[in-house]
Protein backbone atom coordinates (compact mmCIF):
# COMPACT_ATOMS: atom_id res chain seq x y z
CA UNK A 1 -10.81 11.12 -2.47
CA UNK A 2 -10.00 10.49 1.16
CA UNK A 3 -13.53 9.23 1.82
CA UNK A 4 -13.43 7.08 -1.33
CA UNK A 5 -10.32 5.45 0.09
CA UNK A 6 -11.98 5.09 3.49
CA UNK A 7 -14.90 3.07 2.10
CA UNK A 8 -12.70 1.06 -0.27
CA UNK A 9 -10.22 0.13 2.44
CA UNK A 10 -13.01 -0.83 4.83
CA UNK A 11 -14.03 -3.43 2.23
CA UNK A 12 -10.48 -4.49 1.38
CA UNK A 13 -9.31 -4.84 4.97
CA UNK A 14 -12.29 -6.97 5.93
CA UNK A 15 -10.67 -9.56 3.66
CA UNK A 16 -6.91 -8.98 3.53
CA UNK A 17 -5.90 -9.93 7.12
CA UNK A 18 -7.87 -13.17 6.79
CA UNK A 19 -6.32 -14.33 3.50
CA UNK A 20 -3.33 -16.10 5.17
CA UNK A 21 -5.68 -18.03 7.47
CA UNK A 22 -8.00 -18.84 4.55
CA UNK A 23 -5.15 -20.08 2.36
CA UNK A 24 -3.44 -22.15 5.04
CA UNK A 25 -6.48 -23.32 7.01
CA UNK A 26 -9.16 -23.75 4.33
CA UNK A 27 -7.21 -24.30 1.10
CA UNK A 28 -4.13 -25.90 2.68
CA UNK A 29 -1.33 -23.92 1.00
CA UNK A 30 1.98 -22.76 2.52
CA UNK A 31 4.18 -19.66 2.80
CA UNK A 32 5.67 -19.93 -0.70
CA UNK A 33 2.20 -19.95 -2.27
CA UNK A 34 1.25 -16.95 -0.12
CA UNK A 35 4.36 -15.13 -1.32
CA UNK A 36 3.59 -15.99 -4.95
CA UNK A 37 0.01 -14.74 -4.60
CA UNK A 38 0.93 -11.40 -3.08
CA UNK A 39 4.04 -10.86 -5.20
CA UNK A 40 2.43 -11.55 -8.56
CA UNK A 41 -0.69 -9.59 -7.64
CA UNK A 42 1.25 -6.47 -6.71
CA UNK A 43 3.60 -6.77 -9.70
CA UNK A 44 0.69 -6.96 -12.16
CA UNK A 45 -0.96 -3.95 -10.57
CA UNK A 46 2.23 -1.94 -10.77
CA UNK A 47 2.78 -2.58 -14.49
CA UNK A 48 -0.70 -1.23 -15.22
CA UNK A 49 -0.01 1.92 -13.19
CA UNK A 50 2.48 3.25 -15.76
CA UNK A 51 -0.05 2.97 -18.57
CA UNK A 52 -2.99 4.38 -16.62
CA UNK A 53 -0.86 7.26 -15.36
CA UNK A 54 0.38 8.07 -18.87
CA UNK A 55 -3.19 7.87 -20.18
CA UNK A 56 -4.36 10.37 -17.58
CA UNK A 57 -1.59 12.79 -18.65
CA UNK A 58 -2.25 12.42 -22.35
CA UNK A 59 -6.03 12.84 -22.21
CA UNK A 60 -6.06 15.13 -19.16
CA UNK A 61 -8.47 12.84 -17.37
CA UNK A 62 -7.89 11.53 -13.85
CA UNK A 63 -11.37 10.60 -12.60
CA UNK A 64 -12.41 8.08 -15.28
CA UNK A 65 -9.55 5.59 -14.75
CA UNK A 66 -9.81 6.11 -11.01
CA UNK A 67 -13.51 5.16 -11.06
CA UNK A 68 -12.92 2.14 -13.30
CA UNK A 69 -10.16 0.86 -11.03
CA UNK A 70 -12.20 1.12 -7.85
CA UNK A 71 -15.17 -0.60 -9.52
CA UNK A 72 -13.10 -3.58 -10.73
CA UNK A 73 -11.51 -4.14 -7.33
CA UNK A 74 -14.73 -3.64 -5.43
CA UNK A 75 -16.68 -6.22 -7.36
CA UNK A 76 -13.88 -8.83 -7.54
CA UNK A 77 -13.29 -9.24 -3.80
CA UNK A 78 -16.68 -10.63 -2.67
CA UNK A 79 -16.38 -13.55 -5.12
CA UNK A 80 -13.62 -14.92 -2.87
CA UNK A 81 -16.51 -16.18 -0.74
CA UNK A 82 -17.26 -18.96 -3.27
CA UNK A 83 -13.69 -20.08 -4.05
CA UNK A 84 -12.76 -23.73 -3.56
CA UNK A 85 -9.22 -23.85 -4.98
CA UNK A 86 -6.04 -21.80 -4.84
CA UNK A 87 -6.15 -20.87 -8.54
CA UNK A 88 -9.58 -19.28 -8.02
CA UNK A 89 -8.55 -17.01 -5.17
CA UNK A 90 -5.30 -16.32 -7.04
CA UNK A 91 -7.30 -15.12 -10.07
CA UNK A 92 -9.61 -12.93 -8.00
CA UNK A 93 -6.71 -11.42 -6.10
CA UNK A 94 -5.08 -10.58 -9.45
CA UNK A 95 -8.31 -8.96 -10.66
CA UNK A 96 -8.48 -6.95 -7.44
CA UNK A 97 -4.95 -5.69 -8.08
CA UNK A 98 -5.76 -4.93 -11.73
CA UNK A 99 -8.27 -2.44 -10.38
CA UNK A 100 -5.63 -0.96 -8.14
CA UNK A 101 -3.24 -0.75 -11.07
CA UNK A 102 -5.73 1.23 -13.12
CA UNK A 103 -6.65 3.72 -10.40
CA UNK A 104 -3.52 4.44 -8.34
CA UNK A 105 -1.43 6.75 -10.54
CA UNK A 106 -4.36 8.90 -11.78
CA UNK A 107 -5.67 9.17 -8.21
CA UNK A 108 -2.33 10.31 -6.78
CA UNK A 109 -1.84 12.74 -9.69
CA UNK A 110 -5.34 14.15 -9.13
CA UNK A 111 -4.48 14.94 -5.52
CA UNK A 112 -1.30 16.75 -6.60
CA UNK A 113 -3.20 18.72 -9.28
CA UNK A 114 -5.38 20.46 -6.68
CA UNK A 115 -2.86 20.81 -3.85
CA UNK A 116 -0.45 23.75 -3.37
CA UNK A 117 3.17 22.51 -3.30
CA UNK A 118 3.82 23.90 0.18
CA UNK A 119 1.24 21.58 1.77
CA UNK A 120 1.61 18.49 -0.41
CA UNK A 121 3.05 16.41 2.39
CA UNK A 122 0.11 17.22 4.63
CA UNK A 123 -2.38 16.57 1.79
CA UNK A 124 -1.01 13.13 0.98
CA UNK A 125 -0.71 12.35 4.67
CA UNK A 126 -4.34 13.37 5.23
CA UNK A 127 -5.66 11.21 2.40
CA UNK A 128 -3.59 8.29 3.69
CA UNK A 129 -5.00 8.92 7.16
CA UNK A 130 -8.57 8.49 5.89
CA UNK A 131 -7.46 5.45 3.91
CA UNK A 132 -6.08 3.90 7.09
CA UNK A 133 -9.20 4.84 9.03
CA UNK A 134 -11.10 2.66 6.60
CA UNK A 135 -8.59 -0.05 7.34
CA UNK A 136 -9.46 0.31 11.03
CA UNK A 137 -13.16 -0.09 10.37
CA UNK A 138 -12.82 -3.09 8.04
CA UNK A 139 -11.09 -5.51 10.42
CA UNK A 140 -13.46 -4.52 13.23
CA UNK A 141 -16.39 -5.39 10.98
CA UNK A 142 -14.71 -8.69 10.16
CA UNK A 143 -14.10 -9.41 13.85
CA UNK A 144 -17.76 -8.73 14.63
CA UNK A 145 -18.89 -11.09 11.88
CA UNK A 146 -16.51 -13.81 13.09
CA UNK A 147 -17.76 -13.43 16.65
CA UNK A 148 -21.32 -13.88 15.43
CA UNK A 149 -20.40 -16.66 12.98
CA UNK A 150 -17.15 -18.25 14.25
CA UNK A 151 -14.80 -19.41 11.52
CA UNK A 152 -17.09 -18.32 8.65
CA UNK A 153 -14.50 -16.54 6.54
CA UNK A 154 -16.64 -16.84 3.42
CA UNK A 155 -19.41 -14.76 5.01
CA UNK A 156 -16.88 -11.99 5.74
CA UNK A 157 -15.71 -12.03 2.12
CA UNK A 158 -19.27 -11.80 0.80
CA UNK A 159 -20.32 -8.89 3.04
CA UNK A 160 -17.26 -6.89 1.94
CA UNK A 161 -19.31 -5.86 -1.12
CA UNK A 162 -21.33 -3.37 0.94
CA UNK A 163 -18.68 -0.67 1.69
CA UNK A 164 -17.66 -0.71 -1.98
CA UNK A 165 -20.99 0.87 -2.91
CA UNK A 166 -20.20 3.78 -0.60
CA UNK A 167 -16.84 4.35 -2.27
CA UNK A 168 -18.34 4.40 -5.75
CA UNK A 169 -21.18 6.72 -4.66
CA UNK A 170 -18.76 9.31 -3.23
CA UNK A 171 -16.45 9.11 -6.24
CA UNK A 172 -19.23 9.48 -8.81
CA UNK A 173 -21.14 12.33 -7.18
CA UNK A 174 -18.65 14.27 -5.02
CA UNK A 175 -15.22 14.11 -6.71
CA UNK A 176 -14.62 16.67 -9.48
CA UNK A 177 -11.27 16.88 -11.25
CA UNK A 178 -9.78 20.18 -12.37
CA UNK A 179 -8.56 19.52 -15.89
CA UNK A 180 -7.35 23.11 -16.20
CA UNK A 181 -4.64 22.25 -13.67
CA UNK A 182 -3.20 19.56 -15.95
CA UNK A 183 -0.80 20.73 -18.66
CA UNK A 184 -1.17 18.75 -21.86
CA UNK A 185 1.61 16.18 -22.10
CA UNK A 186 1.13 15.96 -25.88
CA UNK A 187 2.92 19.32 -26.10
CA UNK A 188 5.95 18.24 -24.08
CA UNK A 189 8.44 15.41 -24.12
CA UNK A 190 8.06 12.78 -21.45
CA UNK A 191 11.24 13.58 -19.55
CA UNK A 192 11.68 13.11 -15.84
CA UNK A 193 14.20 14.67 -13.47
CA UNK A 194 17.43 12.59 -13.14
CA UNK A 195 17.13 12.88 -9.37
CA UNK A 196 13.70 11.28 -9.73
CA UNK A 197 15.27 8.13 -11.22
CA UNK A 198 17.88 8.01 -8.44
CA UNK A 199 15.07 8.30 -5.94
CA UNK A 200 13.27 5.40 -7.61
CA UNK A 201 16.45 3.29 -7.35
CA UNK A 202 16.39 3.84 -3.58
CA UNK A 203 12.68 2.99 -3.47
CA UNK A 204 13.37 -0.23 -5.40
CA UNK A 205 16.04 -1.45 -2.98
CA UNK A 206 13.84 -0.63 -0.02
CA UNK A 207 10.99 -2.48 -1.74
CA UNK A 208 13.10 -5.64 -2.01
CA UNK A 209 13.02 -5.81 1.77
CA UNK A 210 9.41 -4.68 2.08
CA UNK A 211 7.57 -7.97 1.55
CA UNK A 212 3.84 -8.40 1.96
CA UNK A 213 2.42 -7.59 5.39
CA UNK A 214 0.68 -10.95 5.13
CA UNK A 215 3.91 -12.41 6.52
CA UNK A 216 3.54 -10.27 9.64
CA UNK A 217 0.11 -11.82 10.13
CA UNK A 218 1.60 -15.26 9.55
CA UNK A 219 4.23 -14.45 12.19
CA UNK A 220 1.43 -13.45 14.57
CA UNK A 221 -0.27 -16.80 14.00
CA UNK A 222 3.00 -18.66 14.53
CA UNK A 223 3.42 -17.00 17.92
CA UNK A 224 -0.04 -17.98 19.10
CA UNK A 225 -2.50 -15.18 18.28
CA UNK A 226 -6.03 -16.47 17.82
CA UNK A 227 -7.91 -16.08 14.56
CA UNK A 228 -10.48 -13.75 16.18
CA UNK A 229 -7.69 -11.54 17.61
CA UNK A 230 -5.95 -11.01 14.27
CA UNK A 231 -8.54 -8.58 12.81
CA UNK A 232 -8.42 -6.58 16.06
CA UNK A 233 -4.62 -6.44 15.88
CA UNK A 234 -4.84 -5.38 12.24
CA UNK A 235 -7.34 -2.66 13.14
CA UNK A 236 -5.16 -1.30 15.98
CA UNK A 237 -2.22 -1.25 13.57
CA UNK A 238 -4.22 0.92 11.18
CA UNK A 239 -5.26 3.27 13.98
CA UNK A 240 -1.58 4.13 14.42
CA UNK A 241 -1.16 4.54 10.66
CA UNK A 242 -4.17 6.84 10.48
CA UNK A 243 -3.20 8.97 13.47
CA UNK A 244 0.41 9.46 12.36
CA UNK A 245 -0.02 9.97 8.59
CA UNK A 246 -1.09 13.63 8.62
CA UNK A 247 1.57 14.75 11.15
CA UNK A 248 4.22 12.76 9.25
CA UNK A 249 3.30 14.43 5.97
CA UNK A 250 3.16 17.85 7.60
CA UNK A 251 6.61 17.26 9.12
CA UNK A 252 7.99 16.65 5.63
CA UNK A 253 6.59 20.02 4.47
CA UNK A 254 8.67 21.83 7.06
CA UNK A 255 11.59 19.47 7.69
CA UNK A 256 12.11 18.09 4.18
CA UNK A 257 11.02 14.89 2.43
CA UNK A 258 14.47 13.29 2.50
CA UNK A 259 14.99 13.57 6.24
CA UNK A 260 11.56 12.21 7.08
CA UNK A 261 11.96 9.32 4.63
CA UNK A 262 15.34 8.41 6.13
CA UNK A 263 13.74 8.39 9.56
CA UNK A 264 10.85 6.24 8.31
CA UNK A 265 13.03 3.69 6.51
CA UNK A 266 15.39 3.42 9.46
CA UNK A 267 12.43 2.87 11.77
CA UNK A 268 11.19 0.11 9.46
CA UNK A 269 14.54 -1.68 9.74
CA UNK A 270 14.47 -1.56 13.54
CA UNK A 271 10.90 -2.86 13.71
CA UNK A 272 11.72 -5.76 11.38
CA UNK A 273 14.60 -6.70 13.66
CA UNK A 274 12.04 -6.72 16.45
CA UNK A 275 9.83 -9.16 14.51
CA UNK A 276 12.89 -11.33 13.93
CA UNK A 277 13.51 -11.80 17.65
CA UNK A 278 9.94 -11.71 18.97
CA UNK A 279 8.86 -14.83 20.84
CA UNK A 280 5.52 -13.99 22.50
CA UNK A 281 2.10 -12.64 21.44
CA UNK A 282 2.65 -9.51 23.57
CA UNK A 283 5.72 -8.68 21.47
CA UNK A 284 3.62 -8.93 18.30
CA UNK A 285 1.08 -6.43 19.63
CA UNK A 286 3.80 -3.91 20.47
CA UNK A 287 5.68 -4.39 17.20
CA UNK A 288 2.57 -3.96 15.07
CA UNK A 289 1.84 -0.64 16.77
CA UNK A 290 5.43 0.51 16.28
CA UNK A 291 5.30 -0.63 12.67
CA UNK A 292 2.32 1.67 12.08
CA UNK A 293 4.57 4.67 12.75
CA UNK A 294 6.71 3.75 9.74
CA UNK A 295 3.71 4.36 7.46
CA UNK A 296 3.06 7.74 9.06
CA UNK A 297 6.65 8.78 8.39
CA UNK A 298 7.05 7.36 4.89
CA UNK A 299 3.91 6.42 2.95
CA UNK A 300 2.44 9.85 2.17
CA UNK A 301 5.90 11.43 2.08
CA UNK A 302 7.06 9.07 -0.68
CA UNK A 303 4.17 10.28 -2.86
CA UNK A 304 4.73 13.95 -2.04
CA UNK A 305 8.39 13.52 -3.04
CA UNK A 306 7.29 12.22 -6.45
CA UNK A 307 5.03 15.25 -6.96
CA UNK A 308 7.91 17.57 -5.99
CA UNK A 309 10.21 16.14 -8.65
CA UNK A 310 7.96 16.40 -11.73
CA UNK A 311 5.69 18.87 -13.52
CA UNK A 312 1.94 18.50 -13.93
CA UNK A 313 2.28 17.38 -17.57
CA UNK A 314 4.16 14.24 -16.45
CA UNK A 315 2.59 13.70 -13.06
CA UNK A 316 0.50 10.64 -13.89
CA UNK A 317 3.41 9.07 -15.77
CA UNK A 318 5.78 9.70 -12.84
CA UNK A 319 3.36 8.20 -10.33
CA UNK A 320 2.94 5.23 -12.64
CA UNK A 321 6.68 4.58 -12.62
CA UNK A 322 6.79 5.05 -8.86
CA UNK A 323 4.08 2.45 -8.31
CA UNK A 324 5.65 0.16 -10.92
CA UNK A 325 8.95 0.29 -9.04
CA UNK A 326 7.25 -0.56 -5.76
CA UNK A 327 5.29 -3.41 -7.32
CA UNK A 328 8.15 -4.94 -9.33
CA UNK A 329 10.21 -5.01 -6.13
CA UNK A 330 7.27 -6.63 -4.32
CA UNK A 331 7.38 -9.76 -6.48
CA UNK A 332 10.90 -10.94 -5.62
CA UNK A 333 10.54 -9.47 -2.13
CA UNK A 334 7.56 -11.65 -1.26
CA UNK A 335 8.85 -14.74 -3.08
CA UNK A 336 12.29 -14.55 -1.47
CA UNK A 337 10.89 -13.70 1.95
CA UNK A 338 8.46 -16.63 1.74
CA UNK A 339 11.20 -19.03 0.63
CA UNK A 340 13.56 -17.93 3.43
CA UNK A 341 10.71 -18.04 5.96
CA UNK A 342 9.85 -21.59 4.96
CA UNK A 343 13.44 -22.87 4.62
CA UNK A 344 15.28 -21.06 7.43
CA UNK A 345 12.59 -19.62 9.67
CA UNK A 346 11.07 -16.24 10.42
CA UNK A 347 14.16 -14.77 12.07
CA UNK A 348 16.34 -15.03 8.95
CA UNK A 349 13.60 -13.59 6.73
CA UNK A 350 12.96 -10.54 8.91
CA UNK A 351 16.68 -9.83 9.34
CA UNK A 352 17.02 -9.77 5.55
CA UNK A 353 14.22 -7.20 5.31
CA UNK A 354 15.86 -5.00 7.95
CA UNK A 355 19.25 -5.07 6.20
CA UNK A 356 17.78 -4.05 2.83
CA UNK A 357 15.94 -1.13 4.45
CA UNK A 358 19.21 0.14 5.91
CA UNK A 359 20.95 -0.21 2.53
CA UNK A 360 18.19 1.81 0.85
CA UNK A 361 18.54 4.55 3.47
CA UNK A 362 22.27 4.66 2.82
CA UNK A 363 21.64 5.01 -0.92
CA UNK A 364 19.28 7.90 -0.25
CA UNK A 365 22.01 9.69 1.70
CA UNK A 366 24.54 9.19 -1.12
CA UNK A 367 22.50 9.65 -4.29
CA UNK A 368 19.59 11.99 -3.48
CA UNK A 369 20.51 15.58 -2.68
CA UNK A 370 19.70 17.26 0.57
CA UNK A 371 17.58 19.92 -1.13
CA UNK A 372 15.11 19.16 -3.90
CA UNK A 373 13.22 22.02 -5.50
CA UNK A 374 9.62 21.47 -6.48
CA UNK A 375 9.01 21.14 -10.22
CA UNK A 376 5.49 22.52 -10.06
């Protein structure tokens, strides 16, 4: 599954860091439209995650929805190469996220099914590390294409179809689920730990301040980074994410999920304050690298925490709700951030994100206990 993510993210990240430039430079739309695109896309994906996760519990199948989701996303992205209007790229971005919505909860539940509880943090961190390695490769491929064909964003979008084939090949022939590890949810009520819902409330508040990373790329452009440098910056950012994800997950196995998440969310707040007051391209390079550490401390750990709080019979359902919470928060987060960015400037928008991250960390301290026993 890690290598599936590697190939898929190589394709996705050839495109994603160039979308702001494509929308603003080629299609002529602004920050609010960018926020609407990313917010609605992530919200739609997240709604689907509850249903796909519940389906994978009920029928004890994780691989089929995972494969379908990767296929939909993989074949939607290259068609961005022939778009001529905002509604077209909006529709394709939504279709891309539909694929993500179908695959994410079953995929994360599959990883938990085959991983001993005592190393879950490391397992999720490792799979995220390979995912981010793909996100290192993708922007470098995009940068190489742009150096050979300056400004030809459509060519980059079209060639992104190639790594997708690698992802589907690995998933079809080398990933085998263990259905015996999944307890039948038809024999149990769908009931989740109360602490799980409190945890999701904290995740939601944090998500309100965690707008699309597309705004970080827009900030980089505002401060003078060239179009050719942006994929390189994005790749370096993912190097940090990849290198730190496995150690961050492993730290949560020994130190505790809650402590590591508090550290990660607090770090996020400090980095966003840095983006608020940055005024030179050199600052952007440093802040992006520091921002990568947040993902190492939080991204895999958030998923491992979900797996700790539920049993295998509800695992897909729980991951679906987790992803739904993240995605529903992403819609107002990106819309509000974009509106503030456009009306009051980048500084006000990034300060808002930092404050919400600190509030979420405070809620975690108050509402989520220091010790959480694994449910499986």
